[in-house]
């Protein structure tokens, strides 16, 4: 890495379920747990409501990584939302890999409202993995037809 790249910090877009993962992120903040300020959180009602287009759009708009975080399977506020998430994003992972995006750039994690430390650990780990990969150059400046 050059000296310009030494100061580079990844941008991670995090889609967090309102009922568990967002509350876990809030707990990490309230508990003053240390994690990198590389994540921008978007609160969603359920991880099952995160459309795969949102993930692709985040990469197009400059995200270096995307995290979809939801309730643990079986604990979804909407009963089955995270089961749909799990199935959908196994396919999404393969599609992104086919498109040339490294698997570490897209992650799905189950984080409950009581797991603030886990949220901090996931963000720290993901930041380190993406920092090792460098900036994401795939999909940037993609389709601008609907802006």
N, C-alpha and C. Protein backbone atom coordinates (compact mmCIF):
# COMPACT_ATOMS: atom_id res chain seq x y z
N UNK A 1 0.83 -1.19 0.00
CA UNK A 1 0.00 0.00 0.00
C UNK A 1 0.87 1.24 0.00
N UNK A 2 0.45 2.26 -0.72
CA UNK A 2 1.18 3.51 -0.74
C UNK A 2 0.84 4.33 0.50
N UNK A 3 1.54 5.47 0.67
CA UNK A 3 1.28 6.30 1.84
C UNK A 3 -0.12 6.91 1.80
N UNK A 4 -0.66 7.13 0.60
CA UNK A 4 -2.02 7.64 0.49
C UNK A 4 -3.01 6.58 0.98
N UNK A 5 -2.77 5.33 0.65
CA UNK A 5 -3.65 4.25 1.05
C UNK A 5 -3.56 3.93 2.54
N UNK A 6 -2.48 4.32 3.20
CA UNK A 6 -2.30 4.01 4.62
C UNK A 6 -3.38 4.68 5.48
N UNK A 7 -3.90 5.83 5.02
CA UNK A 7 -4.93 6.54 5.77
C UNK A 7 -6.34 6.13 5.37
N UNK A 8 -6.46 5.27 4.39
CA UNK A 8 -7.78 4.87 3.89
C UNK A 8 -8.52 4.03 4.93
N UNK A 9 -9.78 4.35 5.11
CA UNK A 9 -10.66 3.59 6.00
C UNK A 9 -11.84 3.10 5.17
N UNK A 10 -12.22 1.85 5.33
CA UNK A 10 -13.35 1.33 4.54
C UNK A 10 -14.68 1.95 4.97
N UNK A 11 -15.61 1.96 4.03
CA UNK A 11 -16.98 2.39 4.31
C UNK A 11 -17.85 1.14 4.27
N UNK A 12 -18.50 0.85 5.39
CA UNK A 12 -19.37 -0.32 5.49
C UNK A 12 -20.80 0.19 5.69
N UNK A 13 -21.70 -0.31 4.87
CA UNK A 13 -23.12 0.00 5.03
C UNK A 13 -23.74 -1.17 5.78
N UNK A 14 -24.38 -0.87 6.89
CA UNK A 14 -24.99 -1.91 7.71
C UNK A 14 -26.50 -1.79 7.73
N UNK A 15 -27.18 -2.81 7.23
CA UNK A 15 -28.64 -2.87 7.30
C UNK A 15 -28.97 -3.65 8.57
N UNK A 16 -29.50 -2.96 9.57
CA UNK A 16 -29.75 -3.58 10.88
C UNK A 16 -31.24 -3.65 11.18
N UNK A 17 -31.67 -4.84 11.59
CA UNK A 17 -33.05 -5.10 12.00
C UNK A 17 -33.39 -4.21 13.21
N UNK A 18 -34.53 -3.58 13.16
CA UNK A 18 -34.96 -2.67 14.22
C UNK A 18 -35.05 -3.35 15.59
N UNK A 19 -35.48 -4.59 15.62
CA UNK A 19 -35.81 -5.24 16.88
C UNK A 19 -34.63 -5.86 17.60
N UNK A 20 -33.61 -6.27 16.86
CA UNK A 20 -32.48 -6.93 17.50
C UNK A 20 -31.15 -6.24 17.20
N UNK A 21 -30.73 -6.28 15.96
CA UNK A 21 -29.39 -5.81 15.62
C UNK A 21 -29.21 -4.32 15.85
N UNK A 22 -30.22 -3.52 15.53
CA UNK A 22 -30.13 -2.09 15.78
C UNK A 22 -30.03 -1.83 17.28
N UNK A 23 -30.82 -2.58 18.05
CA UNK A 23 -30.76 -2.46 19.51
C UNK A 23 -29.40 -2.93 20.03
N UNK A 24 -28.81 -3.95 19.39
CA UNK A 24 -27.47 -4.40 19.75
C UNK A 24 -26.43 -3.33 19.47
N UNK A 25 -26.58 -2.64 18.34
CA UNK A 25 -25.67 -1.53 18.01
C UNK A 25 -25.83 -0.40 19.02
N UNK A 26 -27.08 -0.14 19.41
CA UNK A 26 -27.36 0.89 20.40
C UNK A 26 -26.73 0.52 21.75
N UNK A 27 -26.83 -0.75 22.12
CA UNK A 27 -26.22 -1.22 23.37
C UNK A 27 -24.71 -1.05 23.33
N UNK A 28 -24.11 -1.32 22.17
CA UNK A 28 -22.66 -1.14 22.04
C UNK A 28 -22.28 0.32 22.25
N UNK A 29 -23.11 1.22 21.72
CA UNK A 29 -22.85 2.65 21.91
C UNK A 29 -23.07 3.10 23.34
N UNK A 30 -24.17 2.65 23.93
CA UNK A 30 -24.47 3.03 25.32
C UNK A 30 -23.41 2.48 26.27
N UNK A 31 -22.95 1.26 25.98
CA UNK A 31 -21.92 0.64 26.81
C UNK A 31 -20.51 1.12 26.52
N UNK A 32 -20.39 2.10 25.60
CA UNK A 32 -19.11 2.69 25.21
C UNK A 32 -18.10 1.63 24.77
N UNK A 33 -18.62 0.62 24.05
CA UNK A 33 -17.74 -0.42 23.51
C UNK A 33 -17.01 0.14 22.30
N UNK A 34 -15.78 -0.21 22.20
CA UNK A 34 -14.94 0.35 21.14
C UNK A 34 -15.05 -0.48 19.86
N UNK A 35 -15.36 0.21 18.76
CA UNK A 35 -15.32 -0.41 17.44
C UNK A 35 -15.09 0.71 16.43
N UNK A 36 -14.57 0.38 15.25
CA UNK A 36 -14.25 1.41 14.26
C UNK A 36 -15.49 2.16 13.78
N UNK A 37 -15.30 3.42 13.48
CA UNK A 37 -16.40 4.26 12.98
C UNK A 37 -16.50 4.15 11.46
N UNK A 38 -16.45 2.93 10.97
CA UNK A 38 -16.46 2.69 9.54
C UNK A 38 -17.83 2.28 9.03
N UNK A 39 -18.79 2.08 9.92
CA UNK A 39 -20.10 1.58 9.53
C UNK A 39 -21.13 2.70 9.54
N UNK A 40 -21.97 2.69 8.53
CA UNK A 40 -23.12 3.59 8.46
C UNK A 40 -24.35 2.70 8.54
N UNK A 41 -25.12 2.87 9.58
CA UNK A 41 -26.24 1.97 9.84
C UNK A 41 -27.53 2.50 9.21
N UNK A 42 -28.22 1.60 8.55
CA UNK A 42 -29.55 1.87 8.03
C UNK A 42 -30.50 0.94 8.78
N UNK A 43 -31.44 1.53 9.50
CA UNK A 43 -32.39 0.75 10.29
C UNK A 43 -33.51 0.26 9.38
N UNK A 44 -33.75 -1.04 9.42
CA UNK A 44 -34.83 -1.65 8.64
C UNK A 44 -35.76 -2.40 9.59
N UNK A 45 -37.04 -2.56 9.24
CA UNK A 45 -37.94 -3.26 10.15
C UNK A 45 -37.51 -4.69 10.43
N UNK A 46 -36.96 -5.35 9.41
CA UNK A 46 -36.56 -6.75 9.52
C UNK A 46 -35.48 -7.01 8.49
N UNK A 47 -34.56 -7.90 8.79
CA UNK A 47 -33.52 -8.24 7.81
C UNK A 47 -34.14 -8.84 6.56
N UNK A 48 -35.31 -9.43 6.68
CA UNK A 48 -36.02 -9.99 5.54
C UNK A 48 -36.53 -8.93 4.58
N UNK A 49 -36.54 -7.67 5.00
CA UNK A 49 -37.00 -6.58 4.15
C UNK A 49 -35.87 -5.95 3.34
N UNK A 50 -34.65 -6.42 3.52
CA UNK A 50 -33.52 -5.88 2.77
C UNK A 50 -33.51 -6.52 1.39
N UNK A 51 -33.83 -5.72 0.41
CA UNK A 51 -33.88 -6.18 -0.97
C UNK A 51 -32.45 -6.35 -1.49
N UNK A 52 -32.16 -7.40 -2.25
CA UNK A 52 -30.82 -7.55 -2.82
C UNK A 52 -30.37 -6.35 -3.65
N UNK A 53 -31.34 -5.61 -4.22
CA UNK A 53 -30.98 -4.40 -4.96
C UNK A 53 -30.33 -3.37 -4.04
N UNK A 54 -30.73 -3.34 -2.77
CA UNK A 54 -30.14 -2.40 -1.82
C UNK A 54 -28.65 -2.68 -1.65
N UNK A 55 -28.31 -3.96 -1.61
CA UNK A 55 -26.91 -4.37 -1.43
C UNK A 55 -26.10 -3.95 -2.65
N UNK A 56 -26.60 -4.26 -3.83
CA UNK A 56 -25.89 -3.89 -5.05
C UNK A 56 -25.76 -2.38 -5.16
N UNK A 57 -26.83 -1.68 -4.82
CA UNK A 57 -26.81 -0.21 -4.88
C UNK A 57 -25.78 0.37 -3.90
N UNK A 58 -25.65 -0.21 -2.74
CA UNK A 58 -24.65 0.26 -1.78
C UNK A 58 -23.25 0.14 -2.37
N UNK A 59 -22.96 -0.98 -3.02
CA UNK A 59 -21.66 -1.14 -3.67
C UNK A 59 -21.49 -0.14 -4.81
N UNK A 60 -22.54 0.11 -5.59
CA UNK A 60 -22.47 1.08 -6.68
C UNK A 60 -22.18 2.48 -6.17
N UNK A 61 -22.72 2.81 -5.01
CA UNK A 61 -22.58 4.15 -4.45
C UNK A 61 -21.31 4.33 -3.62
N UNK A 62 -20.44 3.31 -3.60
CA UNK A 62 -19.14 3.49 -2.96
C UNK A 62 -18.86 2.70 -1.71
N UNK A 63 -19.76 1.83 -1.30
CA UNK A 63 -19.49 1.02 -0.11
C UNK A 63 -18.37 0.03 -0.40
N UNK A 64 -17.51 -0.16 0.58
CA UNK A 64 -16.45 -1.16 0.48
C UNK A 64 -16.91 -2.49 1.06
N UNK A 65 -17.98 -2.46 1.86
CA UNK A 65 -18.54 -3.66 2.45
C UNK A 65 -19.98 -3.43 2.84
N UNK A 66 -20.76 -4.51 2.90
CA UNK A 66 -22.16 -4.43 3.30
C UNK A 66 -22.41 -5.51 4.35
N UNK A 67 -23.04 -5.10 5.44
CA UNK A 67 -23.42 -6.02 6.50
C UNK A 67 -24.94 -6.02 6.62
N UNK A 68 -25.53 -7.20 6.59
CA UNK A 68 -26.96 -7.34 6.88
C UNK A 68 -27.03 -8.06 8.22
N UNK A 69 -27.61 -7.39 9.21
CA UNK A 69 -27.67 -7.96 10.55
C UNK A 69 -29.12 -8.08 11.00
N UNK A 70 -29.45 -9.24 11.53
CA UNK A 70 -30.83 -9.48 11.96
C UNK A 70 -30.90 -10.31 13.23
N UNK A 71 -32.12 -10.61 13.60
CA UNK A 71 -32.37 -11.44 14.78
C UNK A 71 -31.86 -12.86 14.52
N UNK A 72 -31.59 -13.58 15.59
CA UNK A 72 -31.21 -14.98 15.44
C UNK A 72 -32.38 -15.76 14.84
N UNK A 73 -32.09 -16.74 13.97
CA UNK A 73 -33.18 -17.54 13.39
C UNK A 73 -34.06 -18.14 14.50
N UNK A 74 -35.35 -17.99 14.32
CA UNK A 74 -36.30 -18.46 15.33
C UNK A 74 -36.74 -17.38 16.29
N UNK A 75 -36.02 -16.25 16.32
CA UNK A 75 -36.36 -15.15 17.23
C UNK A 75 -36.87 -13.92 16.51
N UNK A 76 -37.21 -14.04 15.24
CA UNK A 76 -37.64 -12.90 14.44
C UNK A 76 -38.96 -12.33 14.97
N UNK A 77 -39.02 -11.02 15.06
CA UNK A 77 -40.23 -10.33 15.49
C UNK A 77 -41.39 -10.60 14.53
N UNK A 78 -41.04 -10.86 13.27
CA UNK A 78 -42.05 -11.14 12.24
C UNK A 78 -42.11 -12.63 11.91
N UNK A 79 -41.70 -13.46 12.81
CA UNK A 79 -41.75 -14.93 12.74
C UNK A 79 -40.75 -15.57 11.80
N UNK A 80 -40.79 -15.24 10.50
CA UNK A 80 -39.95 -15.97 9.54
C UNK A 80 -39.04 -15.08 8.71
N UNK A 81 -38.96 -13.80 9.01
CA UNK A 81 -38.18 -12.87 8.19
C UNK A 81 -36.74 -13.27 8.02
N UNK A 82 -36.10 -13.70 9.11
CA UNK A 82 -34.68 -14.04 9.00
C UNK A 82 -34.43 -15.36 8.28
N UNK A 83 -35.45 -16.22 8.19
CA UNK A 83 -35.30 -17.44 7.38
C UNK A 83 -35.23 -17.07 5.89
N UNK A 84 -36.05 -16.09 5.50
CA UNK A 84 -35.97 -15.60 4.12
C UNK A 84 -34.63 -14.93 3.86
N UNK A 85 -34.16 -14.18 4.85
CA UNK A 85 -32.86 -13.51 4.72
C UNK A 85 -31.76 -14.53 4.51
N UNK A 86 -31.75 -15.56 5.32
CA UNK A 86 -30.70 -16.58 5.24
C UNK A 86 -30.68 -17.24 3.86
N UNK A 87 -31.84 -17.60 3.37
CA UNK A 87 -31.93 -18.26 2.07
C UNK A 87 -31.55 -17.31 0.94
N UNK A 88 -32.06 -16.09 0.99
CA UNK A 88 -31.81 -15.10 -0.05
C UNK A 88 -30.33 -14.74 -0.14
N UNK A 89 -29.67 -14.59 1.00
CA UNK A 89 -28.31 -14.10 0.97
C UNK A 89 -27.27 -15.19 0.77
N UNK A 90 -27.64 -16.44 0.88
CA UNK A 90 -26.74 -17.50 0.42
C UNK A 90 -26.59 -17.38 -1.09
N UNK A 91 -27.70 -17.11 -1.77
CA UNK A 91 -27.66 -16.90 -3.22
C UNK A 91 -26.97 -15.59 -3.56
N UNK A 92 -27.22 -14.55 -2.78
CA UNK A 92 -26.62 -13.24 -3.03
C UNK A 92 -25.10 -13.31 -2.92
N UNK A 93 -24.61 -14.07 -1.95
CA UNK A 93 -23.16 -14.23 -1.77
C UNK A 93 -22.55 -14.82 -3.04
N UNK A 94 -23.20 -15.83 -3.60
CA UNK A 94 -22.70 -16.46 -4.83
C UNK A 94 -22.73 -15.49 -6.00
N UNK A 95 -23.81 -14.71 -6.11
CA UNK A 95 -23.92 -13.75 -7.20
C UNK A 95 -22.82 -12.69 -7.12
N UNK A 96 -22.59 -12.15 -5.93
CA UNK A 96 -21.55 -11.14 -5.77
C UNK A 96 -20.17 -11.71 -6.08
N UNK A 97 -19.95 -12.95 -5.67
CA UNK A 97 -18.67 -13.60 -5.96
C UNK A 97 -18.51 -13.76 -7.48
N UNK A 98 -19.57 -14.13 -8.16
CA UNK A 98 -19.57 -14.27 -9.61
C UNK A 98 -19.25 -12.93 -10.28
N UNK A 99 -19.72 -11.83 -9.65
CA UNK A 99 -19.49 -10.49 -10.19
C UNK A 99 -18.09 -9.97 -9.86
N UNK A 100 -17.33 -10.74 -9.10
CA UNK A 100 -15.96 -10.35 -8.79
C UNK A 100 -15.77 -9.65 -7.46
N UNK A 101 -16.80 -9.65 -6.62
CA UNK A 101 -16.69 -9.03 -5.31
C UNK A 101 -16.29 -10.10 -4.30
N UNK A 102 -15.23 -9.81 -3.56
CA UNK A 102 -14.72 -10.77 -2.59
C UNK A 102 -15.78 -11.09 -1.53
N UNK A 103 -15.87 -12.35 -1.11
CA UNK A 103 -16.90 -12.77 -0.14
C UNK A 103 -16.86 -12.00 1.18
N UNK A 104 -15.71 -11.56 1.62
CA UNK A 104 -15.61 -10.85 2.90
C UNK A 104 -16.29 -9.48 2.86
N UNK A 105 -16.54 -8.96 1.67
CA UNK A 105 -17.17 -7.64 1.54
C UNK A 105 -18.67 -7.65 1.84
N UNK A 106 -19.27 -8.81 1.83
CA UNK A 106 -20.71 -8.93 2.11
C UNK A 106 -20.91 -9.99 3.17
N UNK A 107 -21.51 -9.59 4.28
CA UNK A 107 -21.71 -10.54 5.38
C UNK A 107 -23.10 -10.41 5.96
N UNK A 108 -23.63 -11.54 6.41
CA UNK A 108 -24.91 -11.58 7.12
C UNK A 108 -24.60 -12.13 8.50
N UNK A 109 -25.05 -11.43 9.53
CA UNK A 109 -24.80 -11.85 10.91
C UNK A 109 -26.07 -11.76 11.72
N UNK A 110 -26.18 -12.64 12.70
CA UNK A 110 -27.32 -12.65 13.62
C UNK A 110 -26.86 -12.05 14.94
N UNK A 111 -27.43 -10.91 15.30
CA UNK A 111 -27.02 -10.18 16.51
C UNK A 111 -28.28 -9.79 17.27
N UNK A 112 -28.41 -10.26 18.50
CA UNK A 112 -29.61 -9.94 19.29
C UNK A 112 -29.43 -8.59 20.00
N UNK A 113 -30.52 -8.12 20.58
CA UNK A 113 -30.51 -6.83 21.27
C UNK A 113 -29.57 -6.82 22.47
N UNK A 114 -29.28 -7.99 23.04
CA UNK A 114 -28.42 -8.08 24.22
C UNK A 114 -26.95 -8.30 23.85
N UNK A 115 -26.63 -8.31 22.55
CA UNK A 115 -25.27 -8.64 22.11
C UNK A 115 -24.53 -7.43 21.56
N UNK A 116 -24.44 -6.39 22.38
CA UNK A 116 -23.69 -5.21 21.98
C UNK A 116 -22.22 -5.52 21.73
N UNK A 117 -21.63 -6.37 22.55
CA UNK A 117 -20.23 -6.74 22.37
C UNK A 117 -20.03 -7.51 21.06
N UNK A 118 -21.00 -8.34 20.71
CA UNK A 118 -20.90 -9.07 19.45
C UNK A 118 -20.98 -8.11 18.26
N UNK A 119 -21.86 -7.10 18.35
CA UNK A 119 -21.95 -6.11 17.28
C UNK A 119 -20.60 -5.42 17.09
N UNK A 120 -20.00 -4.98 18.19
CA UNK A 120 -18.70 -4.32 18.12
C UNK A 120 -17.64 -5.25 17.53
N UNK A 121 -17.66 -6.51 17.91
CA UNK A 121 -16.70 -7.49 17.40
C UNK A 121 -16.89 -7.74 15.91
N UNK A 122 -18.14 -7.83 15.45
CA UNK A 122 -18.43 -8.06 14.03
C UNK A 122 -17.95 -6.89 13.19
N UNK A 123 -18.23 -5.66 13.63
CA UNK A 123 -17.80 -4.48 12.89
C UNK A 123 -16.28 -4.39 12.86
N UNK A 124 -15.63 -4.67 13.97
CA UNK A 124 -14.17 -4.63 14.03
C UNK A 124 -13.56 -5.67 13.09
N UNK A 125 -14.06 -6.88 13.15
CA UNK A 125 -13.55 -7.95 12.30
C UNK A 125 -13.78 -7.64 10.82
N UNK A 126 -14.97 -7.18 10.49
CA UNK A 126 -15.28 -6.87 9.09
C UNK A 126 -14.41 -5.73 8.58
N UNK A 127 -14.19 -4.73 9.40
CA UNK A 127 -13.33 -3.60 9.02
C UNK A 127 -11.91 -4.08 8.74
N UNK A 128 -11.39 -4.95 9.60
CA UNK A 128 -10.03 -5.47 9.40
C UNK A 128 -9.93 -6.28 8.11
N UNK A 129 -10.94 -7.12 7.84
CA UNK A 129 -10.94 -7.93 6.63
C UNK A 129 -10.99 -7.07 5.37
N UNK A 130 -11.84 -6.05 5.39
CA UNK A 130 -11.97 -5.18 4.22
C UNK A 130 -10.74 -4.30 4.06
N UNK A 131 -10.17 -3.85 5.16
CA UNK A 131 -8.97 -3.04 5.09
C UNK A 131 -7.84 -3.82 4.43
N UNK A 132 -7.76 -5.12 4.72
CA UNK A 132 -6.74 -5.97 4.10
C UNK A 132 -6.98 -6.13 2.59
N UNK A 133 -8.25 -6.09 2.17
CA UNK A 133 -8.58 -6.22 0.75
C UNK A 133 -8.34 -4.92 -0.02
N UNK A 134 -8.46 -3.79 0.66
CA UNK A 134 -8.32 -2.50 0.00
C UNK A 134 -9.66 -1.99 -0.49
N UNK A 135 -9.66 -0.82 -1.13
CA UNK A 135 -10.92 -0.23 -1.61
C UNK A 135 -11.62 -1.12 -2.63
N UNK A 136 -12.94 -1.10 -2.60
CA UNK A 136 -13.73 -1.85 -3.57
C UNK A 136 -13.83 -1.03 -4.86
N UNK A 137 -13.42 -1.61 -5.95
CA UNK A 137 -13.48 -0.91 -7.23
C UNK A 137 -14.55 -1.47 -8.15
N UNK A 138 -15.18 -2.56 -7.74
CA UNK A 138 -16.22 -3.18 -8.55
C UNK A 138 -17.55 -2.44 -8.38
N UNK A 139 -18.31 -2.37 -9.43
CA UNK A 139 -19.65 -1.80 -9.47
C UNK A 139 -19.72 -0.30 -9.25
N UNK A 140 -18.64 0.36 -8.99
CA UNK A 140 -18.68 1.81 -8.75
C UNK A 140 -19.09 2.53 -10.02
N UNK A 141 -19.94 3.53 -9.84
CA UNK A 141 -20.38 4.31 -10.99
C UNK A 141 -21.26 3.51 -11.93
N UNK A 142 -22.00 2.55 -11.35
CA UNK A 142 -22.88 1.70 -12.15
C UNK A 142 -24.05 2.48 -12.73
N UNK A 143 -25.08 1.81 -13.01
CA UNK A 143 -26.27 2.38 -13.65
C UNK A 143 -26.76 3.61 -12.91
N UNK A 144 -26.98 4.69 -13.66
CA UNK A 144 -27.52 5.91 -13.09
C UNK A 144 -28.87 6.24 -13.68
N UNK A 145 -29.54 5.24 -14.20
CA UNK A 145 -30.79 5.45 -14.91
C UNK A 145 -31.95 5.87 -14.02
N UNK A 146 -31.94 5.58 -12.73
CA UNK A 146 -33.07 5.90 -11.86
C UNK A 146 -32.73 6.95 -10.80
N UNK A 147 -31.87 7.84 -11.11
CA UNK A 147 -31.49 8.82 -10.08
C UNK A 147 -32.27 10.09 -10.22
